[in-house]
Amino acid sequence: MFSEDFTKDSNIVDKTEEEHKEDLFKDIETSKMNLNNLYENLKFAER
């Protein structure tokens, strides 16, 4: 009963290896920016 309410009909398309690489590089770049921001904020933290 419940599963019928939440079942969505759609085709799942796998990403190509190149798309996976692009996503990985984007994630790495985002992580790098976040770490840099956190590091900069630490400079102003009270000890």
PDB file of N, CA and C in Angstrom:
ATOM      1  N   MET A   1       0.809  -1.179   0.000  1.00  0.00           N
ATOM      2  CA  MET A   1       0.000   0.000   0.000  1.00  0.00           C
ATOM      3  C   MET A   1       0.866   1.262   0.000  1.00  0.00           C
ATOM      4  N   PHE A   2       1.805   1.355   0.943  1.00  0.00           N
ATOM      5  CA  PHE A   2       2.621   2.558   1.019  1.00  0.00           C
ATOM      6  C   PHE A   2       3.589   2.669  -0.146  1.00  0.00           C
ATOM      7  N   SER A   3       4.180   1.555  -0.546  1.00  0.00           N
ATOM      8  CA  SER A   3       5.179   1.617  -1.612  1.00  0.00           C
ATOM      9  C   SER A   3       4.561   2.092  -2.925  1.00  0.00           C
ATOM     10  N   GLU A   4       3.318   1.793  -3.138  1.00  0.00           N
ATOM     11  CA  GLU A   4       2.654   2.245  -4.352  1.00  0.00           C
ATOM     12  C   GLU A   4       2.515   3.768  -4.365  1.00  0.00           C
ATOM     13  N   ASP A   5       2.340   4.355  -3.188  1.00  0.00           N
ATOM     14  CA  ASP A   5       2.198   5.804  -3.101  1.00  0.00           C
ATOM     15  C   ASP A   5       3.497   6.528  -3.444  1.00  0.00           C
ATOM     16  N   PHE A   6       4.627   5.894  -3.215  1.00  0.00           N
ATOM     17  CA  PHE A   6       5.904   6.552  -3.381  1.00  0.00           C
ATOM     18  C   PHE A   6       6.697   6.054  -4.574  1.00  0.00           C
ATOM     19  N   THR A   7       6.149   5.196  -5.369  1.00  0.00           N
ATOM     20  CA  THR A   7       6.852   4.681  -6.534  1.00  0.00           C
ATOM     21  C   THR A   7       6.757   5.703  -7.658  1.00  0.00           C
ATOM     22  N   LYS A   8       7.910   6.035  -8.218  1.00  0.00           N
ATOM     23  CA  LYS A   8       7.954   7.000  -9.305  1.00  0.00           C
ATOM     24  C   LYS A   8       8.451   6.287 -10.542  1.00  0.00           C
ATOM     25  N   ASP A   9       7.759   6.476 -11.624  1.00  0.00           N
ATOM     26  CA  ASP A   9       8.170   5.874 -12.877  1.00  0.00           C
ATOM     27  C   ASP A   9       9.153   6.793 -13.578  1.00  0.00           C
ATOM     28  N   SER A  10      10.388   6.360 -13.652  1.00  0.00           N
ATOM     29  CA  SER A  10      11.390   7.123 -14.392  1.00  0.00           C
ATOM     30  C   SER A  10      12.535   6.194 -14.750  1.00  0.00           C
ATOM     31  N   ASN A  11      13.187   6.536 -15.811  1.00  0.00           N
ATOM     32  CA  ASN A  11      14.351   5.768 -16.235  1.00  0.00           C
ATOM     33  C   ASN A  11      15.584   6.348 -15.571  1.00  0.00           C
ATOM     34  N   ILE A  12      16.402   5.501 -15.019  1.00  0.00           N
ATOM     35  CA  ILE A  12      17.648   5.922 -14.399  1.00  0.00           C
ATOM     36  C   ILE A  12      18.745   5.787 -15.442  1.00  0.00           C
ATOM     37  N   VAL A  13      19.437   6.889 -15.669  1.00  0.00           N
ATOM     38  CA  VAL A  13      20.503   6.894 -16.661  1.00  0.00           C
ATOM     39  C   VAL A  13      21.825   7.015 -15.916  1.00  0.00           C
ATOM     40  N   ASP A  14      22.707   6.060 -16.162  1.00  0.00           N
ATOM     41  CA  ASP A  14      24.012   6.093 -15.526  1.00  0.00           C
ATOM     42  C   ASP A  14      24.855   7.198 -16.138  1.00  0.00           C
ATOM     43  N   LYS A  15      25.693   7.783 -15.312  1.00  0.00           N
ATOM     44  CA  LYS A  15      26.608   8.807 -15.793  1.00  0.00           C
ATOM     45  C   LYS A  15      27.788   8.140 -16.486  1.00  0.00           C
ATOM     46  N   THR A  16      28.360   8.877 -17.390  1.00  0.00           N
ATOM     47  CA  THR A  16      29.558   8.375 -18.055  1.00  0.00           C
ATOM     48  C   THR A  16      30.743   8.536 -17.105  1.00  0.00           C
ATOM     49  N   GLU A  17      31.832   7.889 -17.425  1.00  0.00           N
ATOM     50  CA  GLU A  17      33.030   7.998 -16.597  1.00  0.00           C
ATOM     51  C   GLU A  17      33.506   9.450 -16.539  1.00  0.00           C
ATOM     52  N   GLU A  18      33.389  10.146 -17.657  1.00  0.00           N
ATOM     53  CA  GLU A  18      33.795  11.556 -17.706  1.00  0.00           C
ATOM     54  C   GLU A  18      32.920  12.402 -16.785  1.00  0.00           C
ATOM     55  N   GLU A  19      31.633  12.140 -16.737  1.00  0.00           N
ATOM     56  CA  GLU A  19      30.728  12.868 -15.849  1.00  0.00           C
ATOM     57  C   GLU A  19      31.057  12.592 -14.385  1.00  0.00           C
ATOM     58  N   HIS A  20      31.411  11.357 -14.084  1.00  0.00           N
ATOM     59  CA  HIS A  20      31.825  10.997 -12.724  1.00  0.00           C
ATOM     60  C   HIS A  20      33.095  11.764 -12.337  1.00  0.00           C
ATOM     61  N   LYS A  21      34.031  11.865 -13.260  1.00  0.00           N
ATOM     62  CA  LYS A  21      35.272  12.600 -13.001  1.00  0.00           C
ATOM     63  C   LYS A  21      34.975  14.084 -12.766  1.00  0.00           C
ATOM     64  N   GLU A  22      34.107  14.656 -13.597  1.00  0.00           N
ATOM     65  CA  GLU A  22      33.747  16.065 -13.434  1.00  0.00           C
ATOM     66  C   GLU A  22      33.113  16.304 -12.068  1.00  0.00           C
ATOM     67  N   ASP A  23      32.209  15.419 -11.668  1.00  0.00           N
ATOM     68  CA  ASP A  23      31.568  15.542 -10.359  1.00  0.00           C
ATOM     69  C   ASP A  23      32.597  15.444  -9.233  1.00  0.00           C
ATOM     70  N   LEU A  24      33.536  14.532  -9.379  1.00  0.00           N
ATOM     71  CA  LEU A  24      34.575  14.363  -8.376  1.00  0.00           C
ATOM     72  C   LEU A  24      35.423  15.626  -8.250  1.00  0.00           C
ATOM     73  N   PHE A  25      35.827  16.187  -9.386  1.00  0.00           N
ATOM     74  CA  PHE A  25      36.637  17.407  -9.356  1.00  0.00           C
ATOM     75  C   PHE A  25      35.858  18.577  -8.771  1.00  0.00           C
ATOM     76  N   LYS A  26      34.577  18.665  -9.077  1.00  0.00           N
ATOM     77  CA  LYS A  26      33.741  19.724  -8.493  1.00  0.00           C
ATOM     78  C   LYS A  26      33.655  19.555  -6.975  1.00  0.00           C
ATOM     79  N   ASP A  27      33.476  18.327  -6.528  1.00  0.00           N
ATOM     80  CA  ASP A  27      33.407  18.057  -5.087  1.00  0.00           C
ATOM     81  C   ASP A  27      34.729  18.386  -4.394  1.00  0.00           C
ATOM     82  N   ILE A  28      35.834  18.052  -5.040  1.00  0.00           N
ATOM     83  CA  ILE A  28      37.149  18.353  -4.480  1.00  0.00           C
ATOM     84  C   ILE A  28      37.342  19.862  -4.393  1.00  0.00           C
ATOM     85  N   GLU A  29      36.970  20.578  -5.429  1.00  0.00           N
ATOM     86  CA  GLU A  29      37.122  22.034  -5.436  1.00  0.00           C
ATOM     87  C   GLU A  29      36.242  22.675  -4.357  1.00  0.00           C
ATOM     88  N   THR A  30      35.024  22.177  -4.206  1.00  0.00           N
ATOM     89  CA  THR A  30      34.128  22.691  -3.161  1.00  0.00           C
ATOM     90  C   THR A  30      34.712  22.422  -1.783  1.00  0.00           C
ATOM     91  N   SER A  31      35.239  21.242  -1.581  1.00  0.00           N
ATOM     92  CA  SER A  31      35.860  20.901  -0.294  1.00  0.00           C
ATOM     93  C   SER A  31      37.064  21.782  -0.024  1.00  0.00           C
ATOM     94  N   LYS A  32      37.847  22.034  -1.041  1.00  0.00           N
ATOM     95  CA  LYS A  32      39.020  22.889  -0.899  1.00  0.00           C
ATOM     96  C   LYS A  32      38.604  24.301  -0.487  1.00  0.00           C
ATOM     97  N   MET A  33      37.579  24.842  -1.129  1.00  0.00           N
ATOM     98  CA  MET A  33      37.105  26.187  -0.779  1.00  0.00           C
ATOM     99  C   MET A  33      36.562  26.219   0.653  1.00  0.00           C
ATOM    100  N   ASN A  34      35.823  25.187   1.034  1.00  0.00           N
ATOM    101  CA  ASN A  34      35.283  25.129   2.391  1.00  0.00           C
ATOM    102  C   ASN A  34      36.400  25.062   3.432  1.00  0.00           C
ATOM    103  N   LEU A  35      37.403  24.250   3.174  1.00  0.00           N
ATOM    104  CA  LEU A  35      38.539  24.148   4.097  1.00  0.00           C
ATOM    105  C   LEU A  35      39.297  25.473   4.200  1.00  0.00           C
ATOM    106  N   ASN A  36      39.492  26.128   3.076  1.00  0.00           N
ATOM    107  CA  ASN A  36      40.164  27.430   3.094  1.00  0.00           C
ATOM    108  C   ASN A  36      39.355  28.449   3.893  1.00  0.00           C
ATOM    109  N   ASN A  37      38.050  28.461   3.728  1.00  0.00           N
ATOM    110  CA  ASN A  37      37.199  29.371   4.485  1.00  0.00           C
ATOM    111  C   ASN A  37      37.273  29.075   5.980  1.00  0.00           C
ATOM    112  N   LEU A  38      37.237  27.807   6.328  1.00  0.00           N
ATOM    113  CA  LEU A  38      37.336  27.438   7.739  1.00  0.00           C
ATOM    114  C   LEU A  38      38.680  27.842   8.323  1.00  0.00           C
ATOM    115  N   TYR A  39      39.743  27.642   7.559  1.00  0.00           N
ATOM    116  CA  TYR A  39      41.076  28.012   8.012  1.00  0.00           C
ATOM    117  C   TYR A  39      41.160  29.527   8.229  1.00  0.00           C
ATOM    118  N   GLU A  40      40.620  30.299   7.306  1.00  0.00           N
ATOM    119  CA  GLU A  40      40.613  31.752   7.449  1.00  0.00           C
ATOM    120  C   GLU A  40      39.821  32.174   8.683  1.00  0.00           C
ATOM    121  N   ASN A  41      38.701  31.520   8.947  1.00  0.00           N
ATOM    122  CA  ASN A  41      37.899  31.852  10.129  1.00  0.00           C
ATOM    123  C   ASN A  41      38.631  31.519  11.424  1.00  0.00           C
ATOM    124  N   LEU A  42      39.481  30.489  11.388  1.00  0.00           N
ATOM    125  CA  LEU A  42      40.246  30.126  12.590  1.00  0.00           C
ATOM    126  C   LEU A  42      41.225  31.223  12.995  1.00  0.00           C
ATOM    127  N   LYS A  43      41.666  31.987  12.039  1.00  0.00           N
ATOM    128  CA  LYS A  43      42.596  33.074  12.332  1.00  0.00           C
ATOM    129  C   LYS A  43      41.965  34.096  13.287  1.00  0.00           C
ATOM    130  N   PHE A  44      40.637  34.203  13.238  1.00  0.00           N
ATOM    131  CA  PHE A  44      39.941  35.197  14.055  1.00  0.00           C
ATOM    132  C   PHE A  44      39.305  34.604  15.310  1.00  0.00           C
ATOM    133  N   ALA A  45      39.465  33.316  15.499  1.00  0.00           N
ATOM    134  CA  ALA A  45      38.872  32.669  16.678  1.00  0.00           C
ATOM    135  C   ALA A  45      39.634  33.054  17.930  1.00  0.00           C
ATOM    136  N   GLU A  46      38.898  33.229  19.007  1.00  0.00           N
ATOM    137  CA  GLU A  46      39.526  33.532  20.296  1.00  0.00           C
ATOM    138  C   GLU A  46      40.112  32.259  20.873  1.00  0.00           C
ATOM    139  N   ARG A  47      41.222  32.410  21.533  1.00  0.00           N
ATOM    140  CA  ARG A  47      41.850  31.247  22.146  1.00  0.00           C
ATOM    141  C   ARG A  47      41.659  31.283  23.625  1.00  0.00           C
TER     142      ARG A  47
END
